[in-house]
């Protein structure tokens, strides 16, 4: 998922704050894995989601409620671009 404007970055950052469990972004090969609870890692993750290789990253949540919250956001973003 590639973020393209400040509103998307702000909203995703707010969603990470709402998550109660562990949330990570990472590449499928596991080489890059960033904990979104850590502010420094979160900044790195948000920057990665704006870059050329943004589509390589996935968002992983351990709590179902957090996963549902993030999934709703991603679906809304896909509908906007379709």
PDB file of N, CA and C in Angstrom:
ATOM      1  N   UNK A   1       0.851  -1.169   0.000  1.00  0.00           N
ATOM      2  CA  UNK A   1       0.000   0.000   0.000  1.00  0.00           C
ATOM      3  C   UNK A   1       0.896   1.231   0.000  1.00  0.00           C
ATOM      4  N   UNK A   2       0.741   2.065  -1.005  1.00  0.00           N
ATOM      5  CA  UNK A   2       1.543   3.278  -1.109  1.00  0.00           C
ATOM      6  C   UNK A   2       0.726   4.482  -0.656  1.00  0.00           C
ATOM      7  N   UNK A   3       1.311   5.263   0.235  1.00  0.00           N
ATOM      8  CA  UNK A   3       0.685   6.489   0.715  1.00  0.00           C
ATOM      9  C   UNK A   3       1.124   7.628  -0.188  1.00  0.00           C
ATOM     10  N   UNK A   4       0.182   8.469  -0.587  1.00  0.00           N
ATOM     11  CA  UNK A   4       0.512   9.489  -1.577  1.00  0.00           C
ATOM     12  C   UNK A   4       0.342  10.929  -1.101  1.00  0.00           C
ATOM     13  N   UNK A   5      -0.264  11.132   0.064  1.00  0.00           N
ATOM     14  CA  UNK A   5      -0.422  12.512   0.531  1.00  0.00           C
ATOM     15  C   UNK A   5      -0.404  12.564   2.053  1.00  0.00           C
ATOM     16  N   UNK A   6      -0.324  13.768   2.571  1.00  0.00           N
ATOM     17  CA  UNK A   6      -0.194  13.970   4.015  1.00  0.00           C
ATOM     18  C   UNK A   6      -1.417  13.488   4.780  1.00  0.00           C
ATOM     19  N   UNK A   7      -2.586  13.585   4.181  1.00  0.00           N
ATOM     20  CA  UNK A   7      -3.802  13.120   4.850  1.00  0.00           C
ATOM     21  C   UNK A   7      -3.748  11.606   5.094  1.00  0.00           C
ATOM     22  N   UNK A   8      -3.253  10.869   4.111  1.00  0.00           N
ATOM     23  CA  UNK A   8      -3.129   9.416   4.269  1.00  0.00           C
ATOM     24  C   UNK A   8      -2.107   9.074   5.348  1.00  0.00           C
ATOM     25  N   UNK A   9      -0.992   9.786   5.357  1.00  0.00           N
ATOM     26  CA  UNK A   9       0.031   9.565   6.394  1.00  0.00           C
ATOM     27  C   UNK A   9      -0.518   9.857   7.784  1.00  0.00           C
ATOM     28  N   UNK A  10      -1.223  10.967   7.908  1.00  0.00           N
ATOM     29  CA  UNK A  10      -1.789  11.372   9.193  1.00  0.00           C
ATOM     30  C   UNK A  10      -2.809  10.350   9.680  1.00  0.00           C
ATOM     31  N   UNK A  11      -3.684   9.922   8.789  1.00  0.00           N
ATOM     32  CA  UNK A  11      -4.736   8.967   9.174  1.00  0.00           C
ATOM     33  C   UNK A  11      -4.132   7.627   9.590  1.00  0.00           C
ATOM     34  N   UNK A  12      -3.170   7.124   8.834  1.00  0.00           N
ATOM     35  CA  UNK A  12      -2.557   5.853   9.198  1.00  0.00           C
ATOM     36  C   UNK A  12      -1.811   5.970  10.528  1.00  0.00           C
ATOM     37  N   UNK A  13      -1.150   7.077  10.751  1.00  0.00           N
ATOM     38  CA  UNK A  13      -0.472   7.309  12.025  1.00  0.00           C
ATOM     39  C   UNK A  13      -1.471   7.299  13.181  1.00  0.00           C
ATOM     40  N   UNK A  14      -2.626   7.923  12.987  1.00  0.00           N
ATOM     41  CA  UNK A  14      -3.681   7.919  14.007  1.00  0.00           C
ATOM     42  C   UNK A  14      -4.193   6.501  14.262  1.00  0.00           C
ATOM     43  N   UNK A  15      -4.329   5.728  13.200  1.00  0.00           N
ATOM     44  CA  UNK A  15      -4.792   4.342  13.357  1.00  0.00           C
ATOM     45  C   UNK A  15      -3.782   3.520  14.147  1.00  0.00           C
ATOM     46  N   UNK A  16      -2.500   3.724  13.883  1.00  0.00           N
ATOM     47  CA  UNK A  16      -1.482   3.011  14.664  1.00  0.00           C
ATOM     48  C   UNK A  16      -1.605   3.355  16.151  1.00  0.00           C
ATOM     49  N   UNK A  17      -1.922   4.611  16.463  1.00  0.00           N
ATOM     50  CA  UNK A  17      -2.117   5.014  17.862  1.00  0.00           C
ATOM     51  C   UNK A  17      -3.318   4.312  18.492  1.00  0.00           C
ATOM     52  N   UNK A  18      -4.347   4.030  17.701  1.00  0.00           N
ATOM     53  CA  UNK A  18      -5.554   3.379  18.208  1.00  0.00           C
ATOM     54  C   UNK A  18      -5.354   1.882  18.449  1.00  0.00           C
ATOM     55  N   UNK A  19      -4.391   1.296  17.780  1.00  0.00           N
ATOM     56  CA  UNK A  19      -4.163  -0.154  17.933  1.00  0.00           C
ATOM     57  C   UNK A  19      -3.701  -0.455  19.352  1.00  0.00           C
ATOM     58  N   UNK A  20      -4.234  -1.513  19.920  1.00  0.00           N
ATOM     59  CA  UNK A  20      -3.908  -1.875  21.298  1.00  0.00           C
ATOM     60  C   UNK A  20      -2.865  -2.978  21.394  1.00  0.00           C
ATOM     61  N   UNK A  21      -2.652  -3.681  20.296  1.00  0.00           N
ATOM     62  CA  UNK A  21      -1.670  -4.765  20.288  1.00  0.00           C
ATOM     63  C   UNK A  21      -0.464  -4.411  19.438  1.00  0.00           C
ATOM     64  N   UNK A  22       0.315  -5.422  19.142  1.00  0.00           N
ATOM     65  CA  UNK A  22       1.504  -5.233  18.335  1.00  0.00           C
ATOM     66  C   UNK A  22       1.127  -5.082  16.867  1.00  0.00           C
ATOM     67  N   UNK A  23       1.716  -4.077  16.231  1.00  0.00           N
ATOM     68  CA  UNK A  23       1.506  -3.833  14.810  1.00  0.00           C
ATOM     69  C   UNK A  23       2.870  -3.587  14.185  1.00  0.00           C
ATOM     70  N   UNK A  24       3.107  -4.227  13.055  1.00  0.00           N
ATOM     71  CA  UNK A  24       4.377  -4.114  12.354  1.00  0.00           C
ATOM     72  C   UNK A  24       4.132  -3.835  10.885  1.00  0.00           C
ATOM     73  N   UNK A  25       5.110  -3.223  10.231  1.00  0.00           N
ATOM     74  CA  UNK A  25       5.137  -3.258   8.785  1.00  0.00           C
ATOM     75  C   UNK A  25       6.420  -3.972   8.408  1.00  0.00           C
ATOM     76  N   UNK A  26       6.356  -4.696   7.312  1.00  0.00           N
ATOM     77  CA  UNK A  26       7.536  -5.427   6.910  1.00  0.00           C
ATOM     78  C   UNK A  26       7.439  -5.950   5.499  1.00  0.00           C
ATOM     79  N   UNK A  27       8.565  -6.439   5.026  1.00  0.00           N
ATOM     80  CA  UNK A  27       8.620  -7.051   3.711  1.00  0.00           C
ATOM     81  C   UNK A  27       8.355  -8.543   3.858  1.00  0.00           C
ATOM     82  N   UNK A  28       7.822  -9.165   2.823  1.00  0.00           N
ATOM     83  CA  UNK A  28       7.507 -10.599   2.903  1.00  0.00           C
ATOM     84  C   UNK A  28       8.722 -11.476   3.210  1.00  0.00           C
ATOM     85  N   UNK A  29       9.916 -11.042   2.786  1.00  0.00           N
ATOM     86  CA  UNK A  29      11.113 -11.846   3.051  1.00  0.00           C
ATOM     87  C   UNK A  29      11.608 -11.702   4.491  1.00  0.00           C
ATOM     88  N   UNK A  30      11.006 -10.787   5.252  1.00  0.00           N
ATOM     89  CA  UNK A  30      11.365 -10.613   6.654  1.00  0.00           C
ATOM     90  C   UNK A  30      12.624  -9.806   6.903  1.00  0.00           C
ATOM     91  N   UNK A  31      13.230  -9.282   5.861  1.00  0.00           N
ATOM     92  CA  UNK A  31      14.456  -8.498   6.034  1.00  0.00           C
ATOM     93  C   UNK A  31      14.197  -7.168   6.723  1.00  0.00           C
ATOM     94  N   UNK A  32      13.046  -6.597   6.451  1.00  0.00           N
ATOM     95  CA  UNK A  32      12.668  -5.337   7.086  1.00  0.00           C
ATOM     96  C   UNK A  32      11.399  -5.578   7.876  1.00  0.00           C
ATOM     97  N   UNK A  33      11.464  -5.299   9.173  1.00  0.00           N
ATOM     98  CA  UNK A  33      10.317  -5.470  10.054  1.00  0.00           C
ATOM     99  C   UNK A  33      10.368  -4.355  11.081  1.00  0.00           C
ATOM    100  N   UNK A  34       9.378  -3.467  11.064  1.00  0.00           N
ATOM    101  CA  UNK A  34       9.387  -2.303  11.937  1.00  0.00           C
ATOM    102  C   UNK A  34       8.183  -2.317  12.873  1.00  0.00           C
ATOM    103  N   UNK A  35       8.446  -2.118  14.156  1.00  0.00           N
ATOM    104  CA  UNK A  35       7.409  -2.089  15.188  1.00  0.00           C
ATOM    105  C   UNK A  35       6.761  -0.710  15.198  1.00  0.00           C
ATOM    106  N   UNK A  36       5.481  -0.642  14.883  1.00  0.00           N
ATOM    107  CA  UNK A  36       4.793   0.634  14.779  1.00  0.00           C
ATOM    108  C   UNK A  36       4.456   1.257  16.121  1.00  0.00           C
ATOM    109  N   UNK A  37       4.747   0.581  17.229  1.00  0.00           N
ATOM    110  CA  UNK A  37       4.573   1.198  18.546  1.00  0.00           C
ATOM    111  C   UNK A  37       5.754   2.097  18.875  1.00  0.00           C
ATOM    112  N   UNK A  38       6.909   1.818  18.277  1.00  0.00           N
ATOM    113  CA  UNK A  38       8.110   2.619  18.477  1.00  0.00           C
ATOM    114  C   UNK A  38       8.059   3.828  17.543  1.00  0.00           C
ATOM    115  N   UNK A  39       8.153   5.029  18.091  1.00  0.00           N
ATOM    116  CA  UNK A  39       7.980   6.251  17.294  1.00  0.00           C
ATOM    117  C   UNK A  39       9.032   6.389  16.189  1.00  0.00           C
ATOM    118  N   UNK A  40      10.267   6.061  16.477  1.00  0.00           N
ATOM    119  CA  UNK A  40      11.315   6.164  15.455  1.00  0.00           C
ATOM    120  C   UNK A  40      11.069   5.166  14.338  1.00  0.00           C
ATOM    121  N   UNK A  41      10.748   3.938  14.697  1.00  0.00           N
ATOM    122  CA  UNK A  41      10.458   2.917  13.689  1.00  0.00           C
ATOM    123  C   UNK A  41       9.210   3.296  12.897  1.00  0.00           C
ATOM    124  N   UNK A  42       8.237   3.900  13.566  1.00  0.00           N
ATOM    125  CA  UNK A  42       7.017   4.300  12.877  1.00  0.00           C
ATOM    126  C   UNK A  42       7.320   5.335  11.796  1.00  0.00           C
ATOM    127  N   UNK A  43       8.164   6.303  12.126  1.00  0.00           N
ATOM    128  CA  UNK A  43       8.546   7.297  11.121  1.00  0.00           C
ATOM    129  C   UNK A  43       9.227   6.630   9.933  1.00  0.00           C
ATOM    130  N   UNK A  44      10.117   5.689  10.208  1.00  0.00           N
ATOM    131  CA  UNK A  44      10.786   4.959   9.129  1.00  0.00           C
ATOM    132  C   UNK A  44       9.764   4.194   8.294  1.00  0.00           C
ATOM    133  N   UNK A  45       8.797   3.588   8.958  1.00  0.00           N
ATOM    134  CA  UNK A  45       7.775   2.827   8.267  1.00  0.00           C
ATOM    135  C   UNK A  45       6.885   3.691   7.399  1.00  0.00           C
ATOM    136  N   UNK A  46       6.480   4.834   7.915  1.00  0.00           N
ATOM    137  CA  UNK A  46       5.637   5.742   7.135  1.00  0.00           C
ATOM    138  C   UNK A  46       6.397   6.279   5.929  1.00  0.00           C
ATOM    139  N   UNK A  47       7.679   6.566   6.101  1.00  0.00           N
ATOM    140  CA  UNK A  47       8.494   7.002   4.969  1.00  0.00           C
ATOM    141  C   UNK A  47       8.596   5.882   3.935  1.00  0.00           C
ATOM    142  N   UNK A  48       8.793   4.660   4.402  1.00  0.00           N
ATOM    143  CA  UNK A  48       8.880   3.521   3.483  1.00  0.00           C
ATOM    144  C   UNK A  48       7.591   3.357   2.683  1.00  0.00           C
ATOM    145  N   UNK A  49       6.453   3.629   3.317  1.00  0.00           N
ATOM    146  CA  UNK A  49       5.165   3.490   2.645  1.00  0.00           C
ATOM    147  C   UNK A  49       4.881   4.609   1.644  1.00  0.00           C
ATOM    148  N   UNK A  50       5.777   5.598   1.565  1.00  0.00           N
ATOM    149  CA  UNK A  50       5.635   6.656   0.564  1.00  0.00           C
ATOM    150  C   UNK A  50       6.633   6.486  -0.577  1.00  0.00           C
ATOM    151  N   UNK A  51       7.563   5.568  -0.437  1.00  0.00           N
ATOM    152  CA  UNK A  51       8.632   5.418  -1.413  1.00  0.00           C
ATOM    153  C   UNK A  51       8.289   4.551  -2.600  1.00  0.00           C
ATOM    154  N   UNK A  52       9.276   4.389  -3.474  1.00  0.00           N
ATOM    155  CA  UNK A  52       9.120   3.608  -4.693  1.00  0.00           C
ATOM    156  C   UNK A  52       8.789   2.142  -4.420  1.00  0.00           C
ATOM    157  N   UNK A  53       9.294   1.617  -3.324  1.00  0.00           N
ATOM    158  CA  UNK A  53       9.102   0.195  -3.009  1.00  0.00           C
ATOM    159  C   UNK A  53       7.986  -0.029  -1.989  1.00  0.00           C
ATOM    160  N   UNK A  54       7.091   0.924  -1.852  1.00  0.00           N
ATOM    161  CA  UNK A  54       6.017   0.852  -0.857  1.00  0.00           C
ATOM    162  C   UNK A  54       5.166  -0.398  -1.004  1.00  0.00           C
ATOM    163  N   UNK A  55       4.955  -0.832  -2.242  1.00  0.00           N
ATOM    164  CA  UNK A  55       4.100  -1.992  -2.475  1.00  0.00           C
ATOM    165  C   UNK A  55       4.704  -3.297  -1.957  1.00  0.00           C
ATOM    166  N   UNK A  56       5.981  -3.283  -1.603  1.00  0.00           N
ATOM    167  CA  UNK A  56       6.625  -4.474  -1.045  1.00  0.00           C
ATOM    168  C   UNK A  56       6.289  -4.689   0.422  1.00  0.00           C
ATOM    169  N   UNK A  57       5.797  -3.649   1.080  1.00  0.00           N
ATOM    170  CA  UNK A  57       5.544  -3.715   2.513  1.00  0.00           C
ATOM    171  C   UNK A  57       4.124  -4.166   2.822  1.00  0.00           C
ATOM    172  N   UNK A  58       4.008  -4.937   3.879  1.00  0.00           N
ATOM    173  CA  UNK A  58       2.715  -5.332   4.389  1.00  0.00           C
ATOM    174  C   UNK A  58       2.551  -4.813   5.808  1.00  0.00           C
ATOM    175  N   UNK A  59       1.311  -4.717   6.255  1.00  0.00           N
ATOM    176  CA  UNK A  59       1.024  -4.298   7.631  1.00  0.00           C
ATOM    177  C   UNK A  59       0.476  -5.513   8.360  1.00  0.00           C
ATOM    178  N   UNK A  60       1.062  -5.815   9.504  1.00  0.00           N
ATOM    179  CA  UNK A  60       0.707  -7.015  10.261  1.00  0.00           C
ATOM    180  C   UNK A  60       0.286  -6.630  11.671  1.00  0.00           C
ATOM    181  N   UNK A  61      -0.890  -7.070  12.077  1.00  0.00           N
ATOM    182  CA  UNK A  61      -1.401  -6.805  13.422  1.00  0.00           C
ATOM    183  C   UNK A  61      -1.681  -8.139  14.104  1.00  0.00           C
ATOM    184  N   UNK A  62      -1.364  -8.233  15.387  1.00  0.00           N
ATOM    185  CA  UNK A  62      -1.562  -9.483  16.118  1.00  0.00           C
ATOM    186  C   UNK A  62      -2.947  -9.612  16.738  1.00  0.00           C
ATOM    187  N   UNK A  63      -3.601  -8.499  16.998  1.00  0.00           N
ATOM    188  CA  UNK A  63      -4.970  -8.549  17.536  1.00  0.00           C
ATOM    189  C   UNK A  63      -5.948  -8.429  16.371  1.00  0.00           C
ATOM    190  N   UNK A  64      -6.979  -9.231  16.403  1.00  0.00           N
ATOM    191  CA  UNK A  64      -7.987  -9.205  15.331  1.00  0.00           C
ATOM    192  C   UNK A  64      -8.654  -7.845  15.209  1.00  0.00           C
ATOM    193  N   UNK A  65      -8.892  -7.192  16.341  1.00  0.00           N
ATOM    194  CA  UNK A  65      -9.533  -5.887  16.317  1.00  0.00           C
ATOM    195  C   UNK A  65      -8.653  -4.858  15.603  1.00  0.00           C
ATOM    196  N   UNK A  66      -7.360  -4.923  15.863  1.00  0.00           N
ATOM    197  CA  UNK A  66      -6.423  -4.015  15.207  1.00  0.00           C
ATOM    198  C   UNK A  66      -6.342  -4.324  13.712  1.00  0.00           C
ATOM    199  N   UNK A  67      -6.314  -5.586  13.396  1.00  0.00           N
ATOM    200  CA  UNK A  67      -6.259  -6.006  12.003  1.00  0.00           C
ATOM    201  C   UNK A  67      -7.501  -5.502  11.245  1.00  0.00           C
ATOM    202  N   UNK A  68      -8.668  -5.614  11.860  1.00  0.00           N
ATOM    203  CA  UNK A  68      -9.908  -5.159  11.236  1.00  0.00           C
ATOM    204  C   UNK A  68      -9.888  -3.639  11.031  1.00  0.00           C
ATOM    205  N   UNK A  69      -9.398  -2.909  12.018  1.00  0.00           N
ATOM    206  CA  UNK A  69      -9.304  -1.456  11.930  1.00  0.00           C
ATOM    207  C   UNK A  69      -8.429  -1.044  10.746  1.00  0.00           C
ATOM    208  N   UNK A  70      -7.280  -1.666  10.629  1.00  0.00           N
ATOM    209  CA  UNK A  70      -6.351  -1.339   9.544  1.00  0.00           C
ATOM    210  C   UNK A  70      -6.872  -1.814   8.197  1.00  0.00           C
ATOM    211  N   UNK A  71      -7.538  -2.948   8.182  1.00  0.00           N
ATOM    212  CA  UNK A  71      -8.079  -3.480   6.933  1.00  0.00           C
ATOM    213  C   UNK A  71      -9.165  -2.562   6.375  1.00  0.00           C
ATOM    214  N   UNK A  72     -10.025  -2.044   7.256  1.00  0.00           N
ATOM    215  CA  UNK A  72     -11.055  -1.108   6.805  1.00  0.00           C
ATOM    216  C   UNK A  72     -10.426   0.112   6.133  1.00  0.00           C
ATOM    217  N   UNK A  73      -9.361   0.612   6.723  1.00  0.00           N
ATOM    218  CA  UNK A  73      -8.664   1.762   6.153  1.00  0.00           C
ATOM    219  C   UNK A  73      -8.101   1.419   4.770  1.00  0.00           C
ATOM    220  N   UNK A  74      -7.463   0.276   4.657  1.00  0.00           N
ATOM    221  CA  UNK A  74      -6.861  -0.118   3.382  1.00  0.00           C
ATOM    222  C   UNK A  74      -7.913  -0.301   2.292  1.00  0.00           C
ATOM    223  N   UNK A  75      -9.040  -0.875   2.648  1.00  0.00           N
ATOM    224  CA  UNK A  75     -10.127  -1.059   1.677  1.00  0.00           C
ATOM    225  C   UNK A  75     -10.649   0.305   1.223  1.00  0.00           C
ATOM    226  N   UNK A  76     -10.809   1.234   2.155  1.00  0.00           N
ATOM    227  CA  UNK A  76     -11.257   2.573   1.793  1.00  0.00           C
ATOM    228  C   UNK A  76     -10.274   3.237   0.832  1.00  0.00           C
ATOM    229  N   UNK A  77      -8.974   3.053   1.077  1.00  0.00           N
ATOM    230  CA  UNK A  77      -7.963   3.639   0.208  1.00  0.00           C
ATOM    231  C   UNK A  77      -8.015   3.031  -1.179  1.00  0.00           C
ATOM    232  N   UNK A  78      -8.228   1.722  -1.257  1.00  0.00           N
ATOM    233  CA  UNK A  78      -8.296   1.061  -2.559  1.00  0.00           C
ATOM    234  C   UNK A  78      -9.518   1.549  -3.340  1.00  0.00           C
ATOM    235  N   UNK A  79     -10.614   1.773  -2.652  1.00  0.00           N
ATOM    236  CA  UNK A  79     -11.823   2.265  -3.326  1.00  0.00           C
ATOM    237  C   UNK A  79     -11.614   3.675  -3.885  1.00  0.00           C
ATOM    238  N   UNK A  80     -10.836   4.486  -3.185  1.00  0.00           N
ATOM    239  CA  UNK A  80     -10.571   5.837  -3.659  1.00  0.00           C
ATOM    240  C   UNK A  80      -9.745   5.838  -4.933  1.00  0.00           C
ATOM    241  N   UNK A  81      -8.841   4.893  -5.047  1.00  0.00           N
ATOM    242  CA  UNK A  81      -7.962   4.858  -6.217  1.00  0.00           C
ATOM    243  C   UNK A  81      -8.550   4.090  -7.379  1.00  0.00           C
ATOM    244  N   UNK A  82      -9.640   3.363  -7.137  1.00  0.00           N
ATOM    245  CA  UNK A  82     -10.241   2.557  -8.217  1.00  0.00           C
ATOM    246  C   UNK A  82     -11.131   3.376  -9.117  1.00  0.00           C
TER     247      UNK A  82
END
